[in-house]
Every structure is written in structure tokens, then in C-alpha cells.
PDB file of N, CA and C in Angstrom:
ATOM      1  N   UNK A   1     100.413  -1.543  37.764  1.00  0.00           N
ATOM      2  CA  UNK A   1     100.903  -2.692  37.028  1.00  0.00           C
ATOM      3  C   UNK A   1      99.826  -3.786  36.996  1.00  0.00           C
ATOM      4  N   UNK A   2      99.711  -4.432  35.862  1.00  0.00           N
ATOM      5  CA  UNK A   2      98.717  -5.497  35.720  1.00  0.00           C
ATOM      6  C   UNK A   2      99.037  -6.636  36.682  1.00  0.00           C
ATOM      7  N   UNK A   3      97.997  -7.235  37.227  1.00  0.00           N
ATOM      8  CA  UNK A   3      98.141  -8.334  38.187  1.00  0.00           C
ATOM      9  C   UNK A   3      98.400  -9.633  37.430  1.00  0.00           C
ATOM     10  N   UNK A   4      99.300 -10.451  37.956  1.00  0.00           N
ATOM     11  CA  UNK A   4      99.530 -11.763  37.353  1.00  0.00           C
ATOM     12  C   UNK A   4      98.426 -12.710  37.825  1.00  0.00           C
ATOM     13  N   UNK A   5      97.642 -13.174  36.881  1.00  0.00           N
ATOM     14  CA  UNK A   5      96.554 -14.106  37.186  1.00  0.00           C
ATOM     15  C   UNK A   5      97.035 -15.519  36.849  1.00  0.00           C
ATOM     16  N   UNK A   6      96.804 -16.439  37.770  1.00  0.00           N
ATOM     17  CA  UNK A   6      97.256 -17.820  37.584  1.00  0.00           C
ATOM     18  C   UNK A   6      96.074 -18.772  37.737  1.00  0.00           C
ATOM     19  N   UNK A   7      96.325 -20.042  37.417  1.00  0.00           N
ATOM     20  CA  UNK A   7      95.283 -21.051  37.639  1.00  0.00           C
ATOM     21  C   UNK A   7      94.845 -21.033  39.103  1.00  0.00           C
ATOM     22  N   UNK A   8      95.800 -20.788  40.003  1.00  0.00           N
ATOM     23  CA  UNK A   8      95.528 -20.847  41.441  1.00  0.00           C
ATOM     24  C   UNK A   8      94.709 -19.655  41.954  1.00  0.00           C
ATOM     25  N   UNK A   9      94.951 -18.440  41.436  1.00  0.00           N
ATOM     26  CA  UNK A   9      94.263 -17.268  41.988  1.00  0.00           C
ATOM     27  C   UNK A   9      93.133 -16.741  41.099  1.00  0.00           C
ATOM     28  N   UNK A  10      92.861 -17.417  39.982  1.00  0.00           N
ATOM     29  CA  UNK A  10      91.865 -16.936  39.023  1.00  0.00           C
ATOM     30  C   UNK A  10      90.488 -16.708  39.650  1.00  0.00           C
ATOM     31  N   UNK A  11      89.984 -17.713  40.340  1.00  0.00           N
ATOM     32  CA  UNK A  11      88.626 -17.603  40.905  1.00  0.00           C
ATOM     33  C   UNK A  11      88.537 -16.416  41.866  1.00  0.00           C
ATOM     34  N   UNK A  12      89.514 -16.312  42.762  1.00  0.00           N
ATOM     35  CA  UNK A  12      89.500 -15.250  43.768  1.00  0.00           C
ATOM     36  C   UNK A  12      89.594 -13.860  43.126  1.00  0.00           C
ATOM     37  N   UNK A  13      90.528 -13.669  42.186  1.00  0.00           N
ATOM     38  CA  UNK A  13      90.795 -12.339  41.650  1.00  0.00           C
ATOM     39  C   UNK A  13      89.911 -11.936  40.478  1.00  0.00           C
ATOM     40  N   UNK A  14      89.378 -12.908  39.748  1.00  0.00           N
ATOM     41  CA  UNK A  14      88.567 -12.579  38.569  1.00  0.00           C
ATOM     42  C   UNK A  14      87.090 -12.863  38.813  1.00  0.00           C
ATOM     43  N   UNK A  15      86.751 -14.091  39.101  1.00  0.00           N
ATOM     44  CA  UNK A  15      85.333 -14.455  39.236  1.00  0.00           C
ATOM     45  C   UNK A  15      84.674 -13.813  40.446  1.00  0.00           C
ATOM     46  N   UNK A  16      85.435 -13.615  41.523  1.00  0.00           N
ATOM     47  CA  UNK A  16      84.868 -13.030  42.741  1.00  0.00           C
ATOM     48  C   UNK A  16      85.074 -11.521  42.834  1.00  0.00           C
ATOM     49  N   UNK A  17      85.590 -10.899  41.783  1.00  0.00           N
ATOM     50  CA  UNK A  17      85.853  -9.461  41.821  1.00  0.00           C
ATOM     51  C   UNK A  17      84.548  -8.664  41.812  1.00  0.00           C
ATOM     52  N   UNK A  18      84.514  -7.605  42.625  1.00  0.00           N
ATOM     53  CA  UNK A  18      83.347  -6.725  42.618  1.00  0.00           C
ATOM     54  C   UNK A  18      83.515  -5.593  41.602  1.00  0.00           C
ATOM     55  N   UNK A  19      84.645  -5.589  40.893  1.00  0.00           N
ATOM     56  CA  UNK A  19      84.917  -4.593  39.856  1.00  0.00           C
ATOM     57  C   UNK A  19      84.993  -5.299  38.502  1.00  0.00           C
ATOM     58  N   UNK A  20      84.809  -4.551  37.405  1.00  0.00           N
ATOM     59  CA  UNK A  20      85.021  -5.149  36.087  1.00  0.00           C
ATOM     60  C   UNK A  20      86.475  -5.633  35.968  1.00  0.00           C
ATOM     61  N   UNK A  21      86.684  -6.684  35.178  1.00  0.00           N
ATOM     62  CA  UNK A  21      88.022  -7.259  35.009  1.00  0.00           C
ATOM     63  C   UNK A  21      88.364  -7.316  33.525  1.00  0.00           C
ATOM     64  N   UNK A  22      89.571  -6.842  33.190  1.00  0.00           N
ATOM     65  CA  UNK A  22      90.119  -6.984  31.846  1.00  0.00           C
ATOM     66  C   UNK A  22      91.287  -7.953  31.959  1.00  0.00           C
ATOM     67  N   UNK A  23      91.226  -9.058  31.232  1.00  0.00           N
ATOM     68  CA  UNK A  23      92.211 -10.124  31.380  1.00  0.00           C
ATOM     69  C   UNK A  23      92.889 -10.418  30.049  1.00  0.00           C
ATOM     70  N   UNK A  24      94.208 -10.207  30.015  1.00  0.00           N
ATOM     71  CA  UNK A  24      95.022 -10.395  28.810  1.00  0.00           C
ATOM     72  C   UNK A  24      95.670 -11.777  28.837  1.00  0.00           C
ATOM     73  N   UNK A  25      95.271 -12.644  27.901  1.00  0.00           N
ATOM     74  CA  UNK A  25      95.914 -13.952  27.745  1.00  0.00           C
ATOM     75  C   UNK A  25      97.054 -13.770  26.756  1.00  0.00           C
ATOM     76  N   UNK A  26      98.271 -14.097  27.173  1.00  0.00           N
ATOM     77  CA  UNK A  26      99.462 -13.799  26.377  1.00  0.00           C
ATOM     78  C   UNK A  26     100.533 -14.874  26.579  1.00  0.00           C
ATOM     79  N   UNK A  27     101.637 -14.739  25.835  1.00  0.00           N
ATOM     80  CA  UNK A  27     102.813 -15.594  26.019  1.00  0.00           C
ATOM     81  C   UNK A  27     104.059 -14.792  25.653  1.00  0.00           C
ATOM     82  N   UNK A  28     105.169 -15.136  26.275  1.00  0.00           N
ATOM     83  CA  UNK A  28     106.441 -14.451  26.067  1.00  0.00           C
ATOM     84  C   UNK A  28     106.851 -14.445  24.592  1.00  0.00           C
ATOM     85  N   UNK A  29     106.620 -15.532  23.883  1.00  0.00           N
ATOM     86  CA  UNK A  29     107.078 -15.706  22.505  1.00  0.00           C
ATOM     87  C   UNK A  29     106.159 -15.073  21.459  1.00  0.00           C
ATOM     88  N   UNK A  30     105.060 -14.498  21.885  1.00  0.00           N
ATOM     89  CA  UNK A  30     104.028 -13.974  20.972  1.00  0.00           C
ATOM     90  C   UNK A  30     104.293 -12.511  20.610  1.00  0.00           C
ATOM     91  N   UNK A  31     104.596 -12.265  19.342  1.00  0.00           N
ATOM     92  CA  UNK A  31     104.872 -10.905  18.871  1.00  0.00           C
ATOM     93  C   UNK A  31     103.723  -9.936  19.087  1.00  0.00           C
ATOM     94  N   UNK A  32     102.499 -10.267  18.618  1.00  0.00           N
ATOM     95  CA  UNK A  32     101.366  -9.356  18.829  1.00  0.00           C
ATOM     96  C   UNK A  32     101.085  -9.102  20.317  1.00  0.00           C
ATOM     97  N   UNK A  33     101.382 -10.101  21.170  1.00  0.00           N
ATOM     98  CA  UNK A  33     101.194  -9.915  22.619  1.00  0.00           C
ATOM     99  C   UNK A  33     102.116  -8.808  23.134  1.00  0.00           C
ATOM    100  N   UNK A  34     103.322  -8.756  22.587  1.00  0.00           N
ATOM    101  CA  UNK A  34     104.269  -7.716  23.017  1.00  0.00           C
ATOM    102  C   UNK A  34     103.821  -6.336  22.546  1.00  0.00           C
ATOM    103  N   UNK A  35     103.026  -6.294  21.463  1.00  0.00           N
ATOM    104  CA  UNK A  35     102.489  -5.005  21.010  1.00  0.00           C
ATOM    105  C   UNK A  35     101.382  -4.519  21.945  1.00  0.00           C
ATOM    106  N   UNK A  36     100.549  -5.432  22.413  1.00  0.00           N
ATOM    107  CA  UNK A  36      99.403  -5.089  23.268  1.00  0.00           C
ATOM    108  C   UNK A  36      99.820  -4.884  24.724  1.00  0.00           C
ATOM    109  N   UNK A  37     100.865  -5.589  25.161  1.00  0.00           N
ATOM    110  CA  UNK A  37     101.307  -5.552  26.559  1.00  0.00           C
ATOM    111  C   UNK A  37     101.433  -4.165  27.168  1.00  0.00           C
ATOM    112  N   UNK A  38     102.126  -3.225  26.485  1.00  0.00           N
ATOM    113  CA  UNK A  38     102.247  -1.883  27.062  1.00  0.00           C
ATOM    114  C   UNK A  38     100.901  -1.185  27.248  1.00  0.00           C
ATOM    115  N   UNK A  39      99.945  -1.440  26.337  1.00  0.00           N
ATOM    116  CA  UNK A  39      98.611  -0.840  26.477  1.00  0.00           C
ATOM    117  C   UNK A  39      97.928  -1.380  27.729  1.00  0.00           C
ATOM    118  N   UNK A  40      98.070  -2.683  27.949  1.00  0.00           N
ATOM    119  CA  UNK A  40      97.454  -3.314  29.124  1.00  0.00           C
ATOM    120  C   UNK A  40      98.040  -2.701  30.395  1.00  0.00           C
ATOM    121  N   UNK A  41      99.359  -2.508  30.420  1.00  0.00           N
ATOM    122  CA  UNK A  41     100.009  -1.898  31.588  1.00  0.00           C
ATOM    123  C   UNK A  41      99.502  -0.475  31.819  1.00  0.00           C
ATOM    124  N   UNK A  42      99.407   0.321  30.750  1.00  0.00           N
ATOM    125  CA  UNK A  42      98.926   1.703  30.873  1.00  0.00           C
ATOM    126  C   UNK A  42      97.497   1.729  31.410  1.00  0.00           C
ATOM    127  N   UNK A  43      96.650   0.875  30.856  1.00  0.00           N
ATOM    128  CA  UNK A  43      95.248   0.824  31.293  1.00  0.00           C
ATOM    129  C   UNK A  43      95.166   0.403  32.758  1.00  0.00           C
ATOM    130  N   UNK A  44      96.050  -0.522  33.177  1.00  0.00           N
ATOM    131  CA  UNK A  44      96.016  -0.969  34.581  1.00  0.00           C
ATOM    132  C   UNK A  44      96.314   0.191  35.523  1.00  0.00           C
ATOM    133  N   UNK A  45      97.206   1.091  35.129  1.00  0.00           N
ATOM    134  CA  UNK A  45      97.527   2.257  35.970  1.00  0.00           C
ATOM    135  C   UNK A  45      96.376   3.268  35.938  1.00  0.00           C
ATOM    136  N   UNK A  46      95.851   3.516  34.743  1.00  0.00           N
ATOM    137  CA  UNK A  46      94.807   4.530  34.580  1.00  0.00           C
ATOM    138  C   UNK A  46      93.489   4.138  35.262  1.00  0.00           C
ATOM    139  N   UNK A  47      93.222   2.835  35.377  1.00  0.00           N
ATOM    140  CA  UNK A  47      91.947   2.377  35.946  1.00  0.00           C
ATOM    141  C   UNK A  47      92.119   1.731  37.317  1.00  0.00           C
ATOM    142  N   UNK A  48      93.260   1.995  37.946  1.00  0.00           N
ATOM    143  CA  UNK A  48      93.506   1.441  39.278  1.00  0.00           C
ATOM    144  C   UNK A  48      92.401   1.888  40.234  1.00  0.00           C
ATOM    145  N   UNK A  49      91.850   0.934  40.967  1.00  0.00           N
ATOM    146  CA  UNK A  49      90.766   1.241  41.891  1.00  0.00           C
ATOM    147  C   UNK A  49      89.384   1.172  41.250  1.00  0.00           C
ATOM    148  N   UNK A  50      89.319   1.263  39.908  1.00  0.00           N
ATOM    149  CA  UNK A  50      88.035   1.219  39.207  1.00  0.00           C
ATOM    150  C   UNK A  50      87.794  -0.130  38.547  1.00  0.00           C
ATOM    151  N   UNK A  51      88.896  -0.789  38.150  1.00  0.00           N
ATOM    152  CA  UNK A  51      88.796  -2.083  37.467  1.00  0.00           C
ATOM    153  C   UNK A  51      90.023  -2.913  37.811  1.00  0.00           C
ATOM    154  N   UNK A  52      89.902  -4.223  37.623  1.00  0.00           N
ATOM    155  CA  UNK A  52      91.033  -5.131  37.809  1.00  0.00           C
ATOM    156  C   UNK A  52      91.582  -5.430  36.410  1.00  0.00           C
ATOM    157  N   UNK A  53      92.878  -5.215  36.242  1.00  0.00           N
ATOM    158  CA  UNK A  53      93.521  -5.514  34.960  1.00  0.00           C
ATOM    159  C   UNK A  53      94.585  -6.564  35.230  1.00  0.00           C
ATOM    160  N   UNK A  54      94.451  -7.705  34.559  1.00  0.00           N
ATOM    161  CA  UNK A  54      95.368  -8.812  34.805  1.00  0.00           C
ATOM    162  C   UNK A  54      95.890  -9.430  33.529  1.00  0.00           C
ATOM    163  N   UNK A  55      96.946 -10.238  33.694  1.00  0.00           N
ATOM    164  CA  UNK A  55      97.571 -10.945  32.583  1.00  0.00           C
ATOM    165  C   UNK A  55      97.689 -12.421  32.947  1.00  0.00           C
ATOM    166  N   UNK A  56      97.369 -13.288  31.983  1.00  0.00           N
ATOM    167  CA  UNK A  56      97.493 -14.734  32.168  1.00  0.00           C
ATOM    168  C   UNK A  56      98.510 -15.245  31.153  1.00  0.00           C
ATOM    169  N   UNK A  57      99.624 -15.776  31.641  1.00  0.00           N
ATOM    170  CA  UNK A  57     100.616 -16.407  30.767  1.00  0.00           C
ATOM    171  C   UNK A  57     100.068 -17.784  30.396  1.00  0.00           C
ATOM    172  N   UNK A  58      99.679 -17.967  29.132  1.00  0.00           N
ATOM    173  CA  UNK A  58      99.012 -19.209  28.724  1.00  0.00           C
ATOM    174  C   UNK A  58      99.915 -20.430  28.851  1.00  0.00           C
ATOM    175  N   UNK A  59     101.219 -20.240  28.743  1.00  0.00           N
ATOM    176  CA  UNK A  59     102.144 -21.373  28.858  1.00  0.00           C
ATOM    177  C   UNK A  59     102.206 -21.903  30.287  1.00  0.00           C
ATOM    178  N   UNK A  60     102.070 -21.014  31.266  1.00  0.00           N
ATOM    179  CA  UNK A  60     102.185 -21.405  32.674  1.00  0.00           C
ATOM    180  C   UNK A  60     100.846 -21.660  33.355  1.00  0.00           C
ATOM    181  N   UNK A  61      99.749 -21.344  32.679  1.00  0.00           N
ATOM    182  CA  UNK A  61      98.417 -21.476  33.286  1.00  0.00           C
ATOM    183  C   UNK A  61      97.442 -22.133  32.316  1.00  0.00           C
ATOM    184  N   UNK A  62      97.665 -23.416  32.022  1.00  0.00           N
ATOM    185  CA  UNK A  62      96.835 -24.092  31.015  1.00  0.00           C
ATOM    186  C   UNK A  62      95.379 -24.295  31.426  1.00  0.00           C
ATOM    187  N   UNK A  63      95.096 -24.399  32.720  1.00  0.00           N
ATOM    188  CA  UNK A  63      93.717 -24.659  33.148  1.00  0.00           C
ATOM    189  C   UNK A  63      92.781 -23.513  32.770  1.00  0.00           C
ATOM    190  N   UNK A  64      93.158 -22.287  33.147  1.00  0.00           N
ATOM    191  CA  UNK A  64      92.316 -21.125  32.843  1.00  0.00           C
ATOM    192  C   UNK A  64      92.223 -20.949  31.329  1.00  0.00           C
ATOM    193  N   UNK A  65      93.338 -21.114  30.638  1.00  0.00           N
ATOM    194  CA  UNK A  65      93.347 -20.946  29.180  1.00  0.00           C
ATOM    195  C   UNK A  65      92.425 -21.951  28.507  1.00  0.00           C
ATOM    196  N   UNK A  66      92.439 -23.199  28.964  1.00  0.00           N
ATOM    197  CA  UNK A  66      91.568 -24.227  28.386  1.00  0.00           C
ATOM    198  C   UNK A  66      90.110 -23.992  28.746  1.00  0.00           C
ATOM    199  N   UNK A  67      89.870 -23.553  29.973  1.00  0.00           N
ATOM    200  CA  UNK A  67      88.493 -23.319  30.425  1.00  0.00           C
ATOM    201  C   UNK A  67      87.770 -22.322  29.522  1.00  0.00           C
ATOM    202  N   UNK A  68      88.501 -21.319  29.028  1.00  0.00           N
ATOM    203  CA  UNK A  68      87.884 -20.292  28.191  1.00  0.00           C
ATOM    204  C   UNK A  68      88.182 -20.483  26.705  1.00  0.00           C
ATOM    205  N   UNK A  69      88.755 -21.640  26.354  1.00  0.00           N
ATOM    206  CA  UNK A  69      88.970 -21.972  24.947  1.00  0.00           C
ATOM    207  C   UNK A  69      89.899 -21.017  24.231  1.00  0.00           C
ATOM    208  N   UNK A  70      90.939 -20.567  24.929  1.00  0.00           N
ATOM    209  CA  UNK A  70      91.880 -19.626  24.319  1.00  0.00           C
ATOM    210  C   UNK A  70      92.721 -20.379  23.294  1.00  0.00           C
ATOM    211  N   UNK A  71      92.536 -20.029  22.013  1.00  0.00           N
ATOM    212  CA  UNK A  71      93.284 -20.682  20.938  1.00  0.00           C
ATOM    213  C   UNK A  71      94.233 -19.713  20.244  1.00  0.00           C
ATOM    214  N   UNK A  72      93.891 -18.448  20.257  1.00  0.00           N
ATOM    215  CA  UNK A  72      94.721 -17.415  19.641  1.00  0.00           C
ATOM    216  C   UNK A  72      95.084 -16.396  20.703  1.00  0.00           C
ATOM    217  N   UNK A  73      96.317 -15.915  20.634  1.00  0.00           N
ATOM    218  CA  UNK A  73      96.721 -14.864  21.566  1.00  0.00           C
ATOM    219  C   UNK A  73      97.337 -13.723  20.762  1.00  0.00           C
ATOM    220  N   UNK A  74      97.230 -12.499  21.253  1.00  0.00           N
ATOM    221  CA  UNK A  74      96.547 -12.158  22.493  1.00  0.00           C
ATOM    222  C   UNK A  74      95.023 -12.266  22.374  1.00  0.00           C
ATOM    223  N   UNK A  75      94.416 -12.741  23.444  1.00  0.00           N
ATOM    224  CA  UNK A  75      92.968 -12.682  23.618  1.00  0.00           C
ATOM    225  C   UNK A  75      92.728 -11.935  24.913  1.00  0.00           C
ATOM    226  N   UNK A  76      91.857 -10.956  24.856  1.00  0.00           N
ATOM    227  CA  UNK A  76      91.542 -10.187  26.055  1.00  0.00           C
ATOM    228  C   UNK A  76      90.059 -10.386  26.357  1.00  0.00           C
ATOM    229  N   UNK A  77      89.799 -10.909  27.556  1.00  0.00           N
ATOM    230  CA  UNK A  77      88.427 -11.136  27.997  1.00  0.00           C
ATOM    231  C   UNK A  77      88.047 -10.072  29.016  1.00  0.00           C
ATOM    232  N   UNK A  78      86.801  -9.649  28.958  1.00  0.00           N
ATOM    233  CA  UNK A  78      86.270  -8.662  29.894  1.00  0.00           C
ATOM    234  C   UNK A  78      85.191  -9.346  30.718  1.00  0.00           C
ATOM    235  N   UNK A  79      85.348  -9.289  32.041  1.00  0.00           N
ATOM    236  CA  UNK A  79      84.411  -9.940  32.967  1.00  0.00           C
ATOM    237  C   UNK A  79      83.684  -8.882  33.783  1.00  0.00           C
ATOM    238  N   UNK A  80      82.442  -9.181  34.102  1.00  0.00           N
ATOM    239  CA  UNK A  80      81.687  -8.366  35.058  1.00  0.00           C
ATOM    240  C   UNK A  80      80.794  -9.328  35.821  1.00  0.00           C
ATOM    241  N   UNK A  81      80.862  -9.268  37.128  1.00  0.00           N
ATOM    242  CA  UNK A  81      80.066 -10.170  37.949  1.00  0.00           C
ATOM    243  C   UNK A  81      80.424 -11.633  37.725  1.00  0.00           C
ATOM    244  N   UNK A  82      81.681 -11.892  37.397  1.00  0.00           N
ATOM    245  CA  UNK A  82      82.145 -13.261  37.209  1.00  0.00           C
ATOM    246  C   UNK A  82      81.808 -13.875  35.859  1.00  0.00           C
ATOM    247  N   UNK A  83      81.208 -13.088  34.962  1.00  0.00           N
ATOM    248  CA  UNK A  83      80.820 -13.593  33.641  1.00  0.00           C
ATOM    249  C   UNK A  83      81.536 -12.800  32.540  1.00  0.00           C
ATOM    250  N   UNK A  84      81.833 -13.497  31.429  1.00  0.00           N
ATOM    251  CA  UNK A  84      82.443 -12.807  30.283  1.00  0.00           C
ATOM    252  C   UNK A  84      81.385 -11.924  29.635  1.00  0.00           C
ATOM    253  N   UNK A  85      81.725 -10.643  29.464  1.00  0.00           N
ATOM    254  CA  UNK A  85      80.784  -9.710  28.853  1.00  0.00           C
ATOM    255  C   UNK A  85      81.304  -9.171  27.520  1.00  0.00           C
ATOM    256  N   UNK A  86      82.602  -9.361  27.249  1.00  0.00           N
ATOM    257  CA  UNK A  86      83.174  -8.900  25.983  1.00  0.00           C
ATOM    258  C   UNK A  86      84.485  -9.630  25.744  1.00  0.00           C
ATOM    259  N   UNK A  87      84.956  -9.551  24.486  1.00  0.00           N
ATOM    260  CA  UNK A  87      86.154 -10.300  24.112  1.00  0.00           C
ATOM    261  C   UNK A  87      86.846  -9.575  22.963  1.00  0.00           C
ATOM    262  N   UNK A  88      88.170  -9.605  22.968  1.00  0.00           N
ATOM    263  CA  UNK A  88      88.941  -9.049  21.864  1.00  0.00           C
ATOM    264  C   UNK A  88      90.050 -10.040  21.525  1.00  0.00           C
ATOM    265  N   UNK A  89      90.108 -10.491  20.275  1.00  0.00           N
ATOM    266  CA  UNK A  89      91.165 -11.398  19.840  1.00  0.00           C
ATOM    267  C   UNK A  89      92.072 -10.649  18.880  1.00  0.00           C
ATOM    268  N   UNK A  90      93.377 -10.723  19.128  1.00  0.00           N
ATOM    269  CA  UNK A  90      94.349 -10.071  18.262  1.00  0.00           C
ATOM    270  C   UNK A  90      94.765  -8.703  18.778  1.00  0.00           C
ATOM    271  N   UNK A  91      95.832  -8.197  18.170  1.00  0.00           N
ATOM    272  CA  UNK A  91      96.367  -6.895  18.568  1.00  0.00           C
ATOM    273  C   UNK A  91      95.478  -5.776  18.036  1.00  0.00           C
ATOM    274  N   UNK A  92      95.149  -4.853  18.923  1.00  0.00           N
ATOM    275  CA  UNK A  92      94.317  -3.697  18.560  1.00  0.00           C
ATOM    276  C   UNK A  92      94.889  -2.461  19.258  1.00  0.00           C
ATOM    277  N   UNK A  93      94.495  -1.270  18.804  1.00  0.00           N
ATOM    278  CA  UNK A  93      94.941  -0.050  19.484  1.00  0.00           C
ATOM    279  C   UNK A  93      94.422   0.024  20.923  1.00  0.00           C
ATOM    280  N   UNK A  94      95.120   0.773  21.735  1.00  0.00           N
ATOM    281  CA  UNK A  94      94.733   0.955  23.140  1.00  0.00           C
ATOM    282  C   UNK A  94      93.294   1.466  23.247  1.00  0.00           C
ATOM    283  N   UNK A  95      92.895   2.351  22.354  1.00  0.00           N
ATOM    284  CA  UNK A  95      91.562   2.958  22.422  1.00  0.00           C
ATOM    285  C   UNK A  95      90.450   1.903  22.350  1.00  0.00           C
ATOM    286  N   UNK A  96      90.682   0.824  21.604  1.00  0.00           N
ATOM    287  CA  UNK A  96      89.674  -0.242  21.492  1.00  0.00           C
ATOM    288  C   UNK A  96      89.508  -0.939  22.838  1.00  0.00           C
ATOM    289  N   UNK A  97      90.637  -1.284  23.463  1.00  0.00           N
ATOM    290  CA  UNK A  97      90.588  -1.958  24.770  1.00  0.00           C
ATOM    291  C   UNK A  97      89.966  -1.052  25.820  1.00  0.00           C
ATOM    292  N   UNK A  98      90.386   0.198  25.800  1.00  0.00           N
ATOM    293  CA  UNK A  98      89.870   1.155  26.777  1.00  0.00           C
ATOM    294  C   UNK A  98      88.361   1.346  26.619  1.00  0.00           C
ATOM    295  N   UNK A  99      87.890   1.397  25.389  1.00  0.00           N
ATOM    296  CA  UNK A  99      86.458   1.555  25.131  1.00  0.00           C
ATOM    297  C   UNK A  99      85.656   0.382  25.666  1.00  0.00           C
ATOM    298  N   UNK A 100      86.180  -0.819  25.473  1.00  0.00           N
ATOM    299  CA  UNK A 100      85.480  -2.019  25.956  1.00  0.00           C
ATOM    300  C   UNK A 100      85.455  -2.031  27.483  1.00  0.00           C
ATOM    301  N   UNK A 101      86.555  -1.625  28.121  1.00  0.00           N
ATOM    302  CA  UNK A 101      86.601  -1.601  29.577  1.00  0.00           C
ATOM    303  C   UNK A 101      85.675  -0.508  30.121  1.00  0.00           C
ATOM    304  N   UNK A 102      85.704   0.679  29.515  1.00  0.00           N
ATOM    305  CA  UNK A 102      84.865   1.795  29.962  1.00  0.00           C
ATOM    306  C   UNK A 102      83.392   1.422  29.943  1.00  0.00           C
ATOM    307  N   UNK A 103      82.990   0.640  28.938  1.00  0.00           N
ATOM    308  CA  UNK A 103      81.576   0.286  28.834  1.00  0.00           C
ATOM    309  C   UNK A 103      81.128  -0.629  29.981  1.00  0.00           C
ATOM    310  N   UNK A 104      82.078  -1.190  30.750  1.00  0.00           N
ATOM    311  CA  UNK A 104      81.734  -2.074  31.870  1.00  0.00           C
ATOM    312  C   UNK A 104      81.727  -1.323  33.213  1.00  0.00           C
ATOM    313  N   UNK A 105      82.190  -0.082  33.206  1.00  0.00           N
ATOM    314  CA  UNK A 105      82.273   0.667  34.476  1.00  0.00           C
ATOM    315  C   UNK A 105      80.930   1.228  34.886  1.00  0.00           C
TER     316      UNK A 105
END
């Protein structure tokens, strides 16, 4: 299951991670987010131990969302070594997300 990332645990779980991180910025009311959500969950199970897969609820975590200029959701950021290395805005097939994550492993 994808980890819930918050303003409070972001630095520890994302920036300090020794594994690649895929981070889904979403909201309960967002239709396209609900389309991508199941893909994020599947990827979190398939890459357990190899990558960190997390979700940030933009309504409850404004600091992290503002820090990265999240204006459209879903936005999925890919981190490696604490830096953004890739980005996906909008709903896309699972294969697109998986390809971006695989390239960071």
C-alpha cells in the first residue's frame, strides 16, 4: 500500500530516502486522481522494497504542495537522492508511471 506522505514526514520519507520515490499528489474530489490511484497502489505493491511509493493529499498538506508548485492534480513526482528527476501531470496509463519509476531503479 502506498505510504501517506504529509508535511510532517516528507523530509524523512522522501528527501532522505535511499531508494527512488514516486509521489502522487492527489485530492479526494479529483476525478482523474481516482483513475490513477489504483495504479499507484498496484505499483506500490509491485515495487515494495525497491522503491518508495507515496501519496500526498494536497488539501491536508499545503506546505509540500506549495513547495513543489503543484497546481494541477494528479501530479506525480519522481525523486532520486532527494531531487526531482521526473514528473507526470494528469491521468496516464499505469505503464507510463511504471516506465518512469523503472528508469530510476
